[in-house]
Amino acid sequence: MPLNVAVPLSVLVSITIAGIVVIQDWDKIHLKSAGGLIGFTLIGIPIGLLLLVKTDERIVKAALGLVVSLFSLYLLTGNSLKN
């Protein structure tokens, strides 16, 4: 699937899911922690867009595949994410 289709589609799905979760769990959100995440998100979005526009599609797909593969191997070794 080309990146110019996959990226907007995944963003749309992510925003929809995040919106549903926020509506369901509004009372459990720690606004102080969320503020930091939102700040770094606002910094990361332009950088990510720049990389998507300026970097060859094959490199982006290879990097994404490598990250997903390494994370999968990490989880398969019995490790887990800490809360």
PDB file of N, CA and C in Angstrom:
ATOM      1  N   MET A   1       0.856  -1.171   0.000  1.00  0.00           N
ATOM      2  CA  MET A   1       0.000   0.000   0.000  1.00  0.00           C
ATOM      3  C   MET A   1       0.904   1.237   0.000  1.00  0.00           C
ATOM      4  N   PRO A   2       0.660   2.179  -0.855  1.00  0.00           N
ATOM      5  CA  PRO A   2       1.504   3.379  -0.901  1.00  0.00           C
ATOM      6  C   PRO A   2       1.357   4.221   0.368  1.00  0.00           C
ATOM      7  N   LEU A   3       2.437   4.883   0.723  1.00  0.00           N
ATOM      8  CA  LEU A   3       2.433   5.698   1.940  1.00  0.00           C
ATOM      9  C   LEU A   3       1.411   6.823   1.883  1.00  0.00           C
ATOM     10  N   ASN A   4       1.176   7.381   0.698  1.00  0.00           N
ATOM     11  CA  ASN A   4       0.231   8.493   0.616  1.00  0.00           C
ATOM     12  C   ASN A   4      -1.203   8.044   0.873  1.00  0.00           C
ATOM     13  N   VAL A   5      -1.458   6.735   0.916  1.00  0.00           N
ATOM     14  CA  VAL A   5      -2.758   6.197   1.306  1.00  0.00           C
ATOM     15  C   VAL A   5      -2.699   5.674   2.743  1.00  0.00           C
ATOM     16  N   ALA A   6      -1.635   4.960   3.074  1.00  0.00           N
ATOM     17  CA  ALA A   6      -1.529   4.308   4.377  1.00  0.00           C
ATOM     18  C   ALA A   6      -1.448   5.304   5.529  1.00  0.00           C
ATOM     19  N   VAL A   7      -0.677   6.361   5.364  1.00  0.00           N
ATOM     20  CA  VAL A   7      -0.480   7.308   6.461  1.00  0.00           C
ATOM     21  C   VAL A   7      -1.782   8.036   6.813  1.00  0.00           C
ATOM     22  N   PRO A   8      -2.479   8.658   5.856  1.00  0.00           N
ATOM     23  CA  PRO A   8      -3.738   9.313   6.237  1.00  0.00           C
ATOM     24  C   PRO A   8      -4.770   8.343   6.798  1.00  0.00           C
ATOM     25  N   LEU A   9      -4.820   7.128   6.258  1.00  0.00           N
ATOM     26  CA  LEU A   9      -5.767   6.136   6.748  1.00  0.00           C
ATOM     27  C   LEU A   9      -5.460   5.755   8.195  1.00  0.00           C
ATOM     28  N   SER A  10      -4.192   5.502   8.500  1.00  0.00           N
ATOM     29  CA  SER A  10      -3.827   5.130   9.870  1.00  0.00           C
ATOM     30  C   SER A  10      -4.040   6.291  10.834  1.00  0.00           C
ATOM     31  N   VAL A  11      -3.799   7.513  10.394  1.00  0.00           N
ATOM     32  CA  VAL A  11      -4.044   8.675  11.249  1.00  0.00           C
ATOM     33  C   VAL A  11      -5.537   8.820  11.534  1.00  0.00           C
ATOM     34  N   LEU A  12      -6.358   8.642  10.515  1.00  0.00           N
ATOM     35  CA  LEU A  12      -7.801   8.738  10.699  1.00  0.00           C
ATOM     36  C   LEU A  12      -8.304   7.683  11.687  1.00  0.00           C
ATOM     37  N   VAL A  13      -7.840   6.459  11.547  1.00  0.00           N
ATOM     38  CA  VAL A  13      -8.242   5.390  12.465  1.00  0.00           C
ATOM     39  C   VAL A  13      -7.740   5.690  13.876  1.00  0.00           C
ATOM     40  N   SER A  14      -6.502   6.144  14.010  1.00  0.00           N
ATOM     41  CA  SER A  14      -5.939   6.458  15.329  1.00  0.00           C
ATOM     42  C   SER A  14      -6.703   7.578  16.015  1.00  0.00           C
ATOM     43  N   ILE A  15      -7.020   8.631  15.286  1.00  0.00           N
ATOM     44  CA  ILE A  15      -7.755   9.747  15.874  1.00  0.00           C
ATOM     45  C   ILE A  15      -9.146   9.306  16.303  1.00  0.00           C
ATOM     46  N   THR A  16      -9.798   8.493  15.502  1.00  0.00           N
ATOM     47  CA  THR A  16     -11.136   7.996  15.845  1.00  0.00           C
ATOM     48  C   THR A  16     -11.089   7.165  17.127  1.00  0.00           C
ATOM     49  N   ILE A  17     -10.144   6.241  17.207  1.00  0.00           N
ATOM     50  CA  ILE A  17     -10.018   5.396  18.396  1.00  0.00           C
ATOM     51  C   ILE A  17      -9.658   6.234  19.615  1.00  0.00           C
ATOM     52  N   ALA A  18      -8.719   7.158  19.471  1.00  0.00           N
ATOM     53  CA  ALA A  18      -8.326   8.019  20.590  1.00  0.00           C
ATOM     54  C   ALA A  18      -9.504   8.857  21.071  1.00  0.00           C
ATOM     55  N   GLY A  19     -10.297   9.371  20.138  1.00  0.00           N
ATOM     56  CA  GLY A  19     -11.470  10.153  20.522  1.00  0.00           C
ATOM     57  C   GLY A  19     -12.464   9.336  21.326  1.00  0.00           C
ATOM     58  N   ILE A  20     -12.692   8.101  20.908  1.00  0.00           N
ATOM     59  CA  ILE A  20     -13.609   7.219  21.635  1.00  0.00           C
ATOM     60  C   ILE A  20     -13.074   6.933  23.034  1.00  0.00           C
ATOM     61  N   VAL A  21     -11.791   6.652  23.138  1.00  0.00           N
ATOM     62  CA  VAL A  21     -11.188   6.366  24.448  1.00  0.00           C
ATOM     63  C   VAL A  21     -11.271   7.586  25.360  1.00  0.00           C
ATOM     64  N   VAL A  22     -11.008   8.769  24.820  1.00  0.00           N
ATOM     65  CA  VAL A  22     -11.076   9.993  25.630  1.00  0.00           C
ATOM     66  C   VAL A  22     -12.502  10.203  26.139  1.00  0.00           C
ATOM     67  N   ILE A  23     -13.482  10.000  25.281  1.00  0.00           N
ATOM     68  CA  ILE A  23     -14.882  10.176  25.704  1.00  0.00           C
ATOM     69  C   ILE A  23     -15.240   9.171  26.802  1.00  0.00           C
ATOM     70  N   GLN A  24     -14.804   7.931  26.659  1.00  0.00           N
ATOM     71  CA  GLN A  24     -15.143   6.895  27.640  1.00  0.00           C
ATOM     72  C   GLN A  24     -14.423   7.090  28.967  1.00  0.00           C
ATOM     73  N   ASP A  25     -13.167   7.544  28.927  1.00  0.00           N
ATOM     74  CA  ASP A  25     -12.340   7.600  30.141  1.00  0.00           C
ATOM     75  C   ASP A  25     -11.938   9.016  30.519  1.00  0.00           C
ATOM     76  N   TRP A  26     -12.762   9.993  30.227  1.00  0.00           N
ATOM     77  CA  TRP A  26     -12.429  11.393  30.477  1.00  0.00           C
ATOM     78  C   TRP A  26     -12.021  11.635  31.928  1.00  0.00           C
ATOM     79  N   ASP A  27     -12.700  11.000  32.879  1.00  0.00           N
ATOM     80  CA  ASP A  27     -12.424  11.233  34.296  1.00  0.00           C
ATOM     81  C   ASP A  27     -11.105  10.609  34.763  1.00  0.00           C
ATOM     82  N   LYS A  28     -10.499   9.759  33.966  1.00  0.00           N
ATOM     83  CA  LYS A  28      -9.248   9.092  34.343  1.00  0.00           C
ATOM     84  C   LYS A  28      -8.011   9.749  33.723  1.00  0.00           C
ATOM     85  N   ILE A  29      -8.190  10.801  32.954  1.00  0.00           N
ATOM     86  CA  ILE A  29      -7.074  11.454  32.276  1.00  0.00           C
ATOM     87  C   ILE A  29      -6.331  12.359  33.252  1.00  0.00           C
ATOM     88  N   HIS A  30      -5.020  12.212  33.318  1.00  0.00           N
ATOM     89  CA  HIS A  30      -4.170  13.090  34.123  1.00  0.00           C
ATOM     90  C   HIS A  30      -3.725  14.238  33.224  1.00  0.00           C
ATOM     91  N   LEU A  31      -4.347  15.379  33.410  1.00  0.00           N
ATOM     92  CA  LEU A  31      -4.116  16.505  32.503  1.00  0.00           C
ATOM     93  C   LEU A  31      -2.657  16.963  32.500  1.00  0.00           C
ATOM     94  N   LYS A  32      -1.983  16.887  33.647  1.00  0.00           N
ATOM     95  CA  LYS A  32      -0.576  17.312  33.703  1.00  0.00           C
ATOM     96  C   LYS A  32       0.299  16.414  32.823  1.00  0.00           C
ATOM     97  N   SER A  33       0.086  15.110  32.915  1.00  0.00           N
ATOM     98  CA  SER A  33       0.846  14.169  32.079  1.00  0.00           C
ATOM     99  C   SER A  33       0.467  14.316  30.606  1.00  0.00           C
ATOM    100  N   ALA A  34      -0.811  14.501  30.351  1.00  0.00           N
ATOM    101  CA  ALA A  34      -1.278  14.643  28.968  1.00  0.00           C
ATOM    102  C   ALA A  34      -0.695  15.896  28.325  1.00  0.00           C
ATOM    103  N   GLY A  35      -0.511  16.946  29.100  1.00  0.00           N
ATOM    104  CA  GLY A  35       0.057  18.186  28.556  1.00  0.00           C
ATOM    105  C   GLY A  35       1.448  17.973  27.984  1.00  0.00           C
ATOM    106  N   GLY A  36       2.282  17.208  28.685  1.00  0.00           N
ATOM    107  CA  GLY A  36       3.620  16.907  28.182  1.00  0.00           C
ATOM    108  C   GLY A  36       3.576  16.091  26.905  1.00  0.00           C
ATOM    109  N   LEU A  37       2.695  15.103  26.871  1.00  0.00           N
ATOM    110  CA  LEU A  37       2.566  14.289  25.671  1.00  0.00           C
ATOM    111  C   LEU A  37       2.085  15.111  24.483  1.00  0.00           C
ATOM    112  N   ILE A  38       1.132  16.002  24.734  1.00  0.00           N
ATOM    113  CA  ILE A  38       0.621  16.849  23.652  1.00  0.00           C
ATOM    114  C   ILE A  38       1.717  17.773  23.139  1.00  0.00           C
ATOM    115  N   GLY A  39       2.516  18.313  24.053  1.00  0.00           N
ATOM    116  CA  GLY A  39       3.616  19.196  23.645  1.00  0.00           C
ATOM    117  C   GLY A  39       4.611  18.497  22.730  1.00  0.00           C
ATOM    118  N   PHE A  40       5.040  17.304  23.124  1.00  0.00           N
ATOM    119  CA  PHE A  40       5.996  16.572  22.295  1.00  0.00           C
ATOM    120  C   PHE A  40       5.358  16.093  20.989  1.00  0.00           C
ATOM    121  N   THR A  41       4.046  15.823  21.020  1.00  0.00           N
ATOM    122  CA  THR A  41       3.345  15.454  19.796  1.00  0.00           C
ATOM    123  C   THR A  41       3.362  16.604  18.804  1.00  0.00           C
ATOM    124  N   LEU A  42       3.143  17.813  19.304  1.00  0.00           N
ATOM    125  CA  LEU A  42       3.144  18.981  18.423  1.00  0.00           C
ATOM    126  C   LEU A  42       4.523  19.234  17.816  1.00  0.00           C
ATOM    127  N   ILE A  43       5.564  18.812  18.491  1.00  0.00           N
ATOM    128  CA  ILE A  43       6.924  18.911  17.941  1.00  0.00           C
ATOM    129  C   ILE A  43       7.160  17.781  16.924  1.00  0.00           C
ATOM    130  N   GLY A  44       6.680  16.570  17.246  1.00  0.00           N
ATOM    131  CA  GLY A  44       6.956  15.405  16.411  1.00  0.00           C
ATOM    132  C   GLY A  44       6.175  15.362  15.107  1.00  0.00           C
ATOM    133  N   ILE A  45       4.986  15.926  15.091  1.00  0.00           N
ATOM    134  CA  ILE A  45       4.166  15.868  13.872  1.00  0.00           C
ATOM    135  C   ILE A  45       4.846  16.560  12.694  1.00  0.00           C
ATOM    136  N   PRO A  46       5.327  17.798  12.848  1.00  0.00           N
ATOM    137  CA  PRO A  46       6.001  18.422  11.696  1.00  0.00           C
ATOM    138  C   PRO A  46       7.264  17.673  11.259  1.00  0.00           C
ATOM    139  N   ILE A  47       7.992  17.132  12.222  1.00  0.00           N
ATOM    140  CA  ILE A  47       9.206  16.378  11.880  1.00  0.00           C
ATOM    141  C   ILE A  47       8.817  15.119  11.093  1.00  0.00           C
ATOM    142  N   GLY A  48       7.783  14.408  11.541  1.00  0.00           N
ATOM    143  CA  GLY A  48       7.325  13.211  10.837  1.00  0.00           C
ATOM    144  C   GLY A  48       6.819  13.525   9.441  1.00  0.00           C
ATOM    145  N   LEU A  49       6.065  14.608   9.324  1.00  0.00           N
ATOM    146  CA  LEU A  49       5.581  15.002   7.997  1.00  0.00           C
ATOM    147  C   LEU A  49       6.734  15.344   7.064  1.00  0.00           C
ATOM    148  N   LEU A  50       7.719  16.037   7.579  1.00  0.00           N
ATOM    149  CA  LEU A  50       8.893  16.391   6.774  1.00  0.00           C
ATOM    150  C   LEU A  50       9.613  15.128   6.297  1.00  0.00           C
ATOM    151  N   LEU A  51       9.790  14.164   7.201  1.00  0.00           N
ATOM    152  CA  LEU A  51      10.446  12.914   6.814  1.00  0.00           C
ATOM    153  C   LEU A  51       9.634  12.154   5.769  1.00  0.00           C
ATOM    154  N   LEU A  52       8.308  12.137   5.925  1.00  0.00           N
ATOM    155  CA  LEU A  52       7.473  11.433   4.940  1.00  0.00           C
ATOM    156  C   LEU A  52       7.536  12.083   3.565  1.00  0.00           C
ATOM    157  N   VAL A  53       7.611  13.401   3.542  1.00  0.00           N
ATOM    158  CA  VAL A  53       7.620  14.113   2.264  1.00  0.00           C
ATOM    159  C   VAL A  53       8.998  14.063   1.602  1.00  0.00           C
ATOM    160  N   LYS A  54      10.052  14.156   2.387  1.00  0.00           N
ATOM    161  CA  LYS A  54      11.403  14.287   1.837  1.00  0.00           C
ATOM    162  C   LYS A  54      12.173  12.966   1.712  1.00  0.00           C
ATOM    163  N   THR A  55      11.704  11.909   2.362  1.00  0.00           N
ATOM    164  CA  THR A  55      12.434  10.646   2.361  1.00  0.00           C
ATOM    165  C   THR A  55      11.808   9.678   1.360  1.00  0.00           C
ATOM    166  N   ASP A  56      12.655   8.876   0.733  1.00  0.00           N
ATOM    167  CA  ASP A  56      12.193   7.871  -0.222  1.00  0.00           C
ATOM    168  C   ASP A  56      11.249   6.887   0.467  1.00  0.00           C
ATOM    169  N   GLU A  57      10.164   6.548  -0.197  1.00  0.00           N
ATOM    170  CA  GLU A  57       9.129   5.672   0.363  1.00  0.00           C
ATOM    171  C   GLU A  57       9.699   4.317   0.793  1.00  0.00           C
ATOM    172  N   ARG A  58      10.638   3.795   0.025  1.00  0.00           N
ATOM    173  CA  ARG A  58      11.233   2.497   0.374  1.00  0.00           C
ATOM    174  C   ARG A  58      11.979   2.550   1.700  1.00  0.00           C
ATOM    175  N   ILE A  59      12.647   3.668   1.959  1.00  0.00           N
ATOM    176  CA  ILE A  59      13.387   3.819   3.224  1.00  0.00           C
ATOM    177  C   ILE A  59      12.409   3.893   4.395  1.00  0.00           C
ATOM    178  N   VAL A  60      11.324   4.638   4.222  1.00  0.00           N
ATOM    179  CA  VAL A  60      10.321   4.761   5.289  1.00  0.00           C
ATOM    180  C   VAL A  60       9.699   3.402   5.584  1.00  0.00           C
ATOM    181  N   LYS A  61       9.342   2.662   4.547  1.00  0.00           N
ATOM    182  CA  LYS A  61       8.751   1.331   4.735  1.00  0.00           C
ATOM    183  C   LYS A  61       9.747   0.376   5.398  1.00  0.00           C
ATOM    184  N   ALA A  62      11.000   0.438   4.987  1.00  0.00           N
ATOM    185  CA  ALA A  62      12.021  -0.432   5.586  1.00  0.00           C
ATOM    186  C   ALA A  62      12.229  -0.095   7.060  1.00  0.00           C
ATOM    187  N   ALA A  63      12.269   1.187   7.383  1.00  0.00           N
ATOM    188  CA  ALA A  63      12.448   1.602   8.776  1.00  0.00           C
ATOM    189  C   ALA A  63      11.260   1.164   9.624  1.00  0.00           C
ATOM    190  N   LEU A  64      10.056   1.335   9.106  1.00  0.00           N
ATOM    191  CA  LEU A  64       8.859   0.912   9.836  1.00  0.00           C
ATOM    192  C   LEU A  64       8.853  -0.602  10.025  1.00  0.00           C
ATOM    193  N   GLY A  65       9.197  -1.336   8.987  1.00  0.00           N
ATOM    194  CA  GLY A  65       9.273  -2.789   9.096  1.00  0.00           C
ATOM    195  C   GLY A  65      10.304  -3.231  10.123  1.00  0.00           C
ATOM    196  N   LEU A  66      11.437  -2.544  10.167  1.00  0.00           N
ATOM    197  CA  LEU A  66      12.481  -2.874  11.140  1.00  0.00           C
ATOM    198  C   LEU A  66      12.001  -2.613  12.561  1.00  0.00           C
ATOM    199  N   VAL A  67      11.363  -1.489  12.789  1.00  0.00           N
ATOM    200  CA  VAL A  67      10.857  -1.160  14.125  1.00  0.00           C
ATOM    201  C   VAL A  67       9.820  -2.181  14.576  1.00  0.00           C
ATOM    202  N   VAL A  68       8.873  -2.518  13.703  1.00  0.00           N
ATOM    203  CA  VAL A  68       7.842  -3.498  14.045  1.00  0.00           C
ATOM    204  C   VAL A  68       8.470  -4.864  14.310  1.00  0.00           C
ATOM    205  N   SER A  69       9.423  -5.278  13.499  1.00  0.00           N
ATOM    206  CA  SER A  69      10.083  -6.577  13.685  1.00  0.00           C
ATOM    207  C   SER A  69      10.861  -6.625  14.993  1.00  0.00           C
ATOM    208  N   LEU A  70      11.619  -5.585  15.284  1.00  0.00           N
ATOM    209  CA  LEU A  70      12.395  -5.561  16.524  1.00  0.00           C
ATOM    210  C   LEU A  70      11.484  -5.562  17.751  1.00  0.00           C
ATOM    211  N   PHE A  71      10.401  -4.808  17.698  1.00  0.00           N
ATOM    212  CA  PHE A  71       9.473  -4.787  18.825  1.00  0.00           C
ATOM    213  C   PHE A  71       8.800  -6.142  18.988  1.00  0.00           C
ATOM    214  N   SER A  72       8.465  -6.800  17.884  1.00  0.00           N
ATOM    215  CA  SER A  72       7.864  -8.131  17.950  1.00  0.00           C
ATOM    216  C   SER A  72       8.835  -9.127  18.580  1.00  0.00           C
ATOM    217  N   LEU A  73      10.085  -9.082  18.169  1.00  0.00           N
ATOM    218  CA  LEU A  73      11.098  -9.964  18.773  1.00  0.00           C
ATOM    219  C   LEU A  73      11.257  -9.686  20.262  1.00  0.00           C
ATOM    220  N   TYR A  74      11.232  -8.421  20.630  1.00  0.00           N
ATOM    221  CA  TYR A  74      11.327  -8.032  22.041  1.00  0.00           C
ATOM    222  C   TYR A  74      10.196  -8.668  22.840  1.00  0.00           C
ATOM    223  N   LEU A  75       8.972  -8.611  22.331  1.00  0.00           N
ATOM    224  CA  LEU A  75       7.831  -9.193  23.037  1.00  0.00           C
ATOM    225  C   LEU A  75       7.879 -10.717  23.016  1.00  0.00           C
ATOM    226  N   LEU A  76       8.374 -11.309  21.931  1.00  0.00           N
ATOM    227  CA  LEU A  76       8.454 -12.770  21.839  1.00  0.00           C
ATOM    228  C   LEU A  76       9.469 -13.352  22.817  1.00  0.00           C
ATOM    229  N   THR A  77      10.440 -12.570  23.253  1.00  0.00           N
ATOM    230  CA  THR A  77      11.432 -13.062  24.219  1.00  0.00           C
ATOM    231  C   THR A  77      10.896 -13.088  25.633  1.00  0.00           C
ATOM    232  N   GLY A  78       9.636 -12.698  25.808  1.00  0.00           N
ATOM    233  CA  GLY A  78       9.028 -12.756  27.140  1.00  0.00           C
ATOM    234  C   GLY A  78       9.030 -11.427  27.856  1.00  0.00           C
ATOM    235  N   ASN A  79       9.603 -10.419  27.270  1.00  0.00           N
ATOM    236  CA  ASN A  79       9.583  -9.090  27.875  1.00  0.00           C
ATOM    237  C   ASN A  79       8.190  -8.484  27.716  1.00  0.00           C
ATOM    238  N   SER A  80       7.888  -7.527  28.559  1.00  0.00           N
ATOM    239  CA  SER A  80       6.611  -6.830  28.429  1.00  0.00           C
ATOM    240  C   SER A  80       6.826  -5.359  28.721  1.00  0.00           C
ATOM    241  N   LEU A  81       5.856  -4.574  28.340  1.00  0.00           N
ATOM    242  CA  LEU A  81       5.918  -3.146  28.631  1.00  0.00           C
ATOM    243  C   LEU A  81       5.498  -2.922  30.076  1.00  0.00           C
ATOM    244  N   LYS A  82       6.230  -2.113  30.782  1.00  0.00           N
ATOM    245  CA  LYS A  82       5.911  -1.799  32.171  1.00  0.00           C
ATOM    246  C   LYS A  82       4.900  -0.674  32.218  1.00  0.00           C
ATOM    247  N   ASN A  83       3.985  -0.735  33.165  1.00  0.00           N
ATOM    248  CA  ASN A  83       2.998   0.351  33.343  1.00  0.00           C
ATOM    249  C   ASN A  83       3.576   1.461  34.157  1.00  0.00           C
TER     250      ASN A  83
END
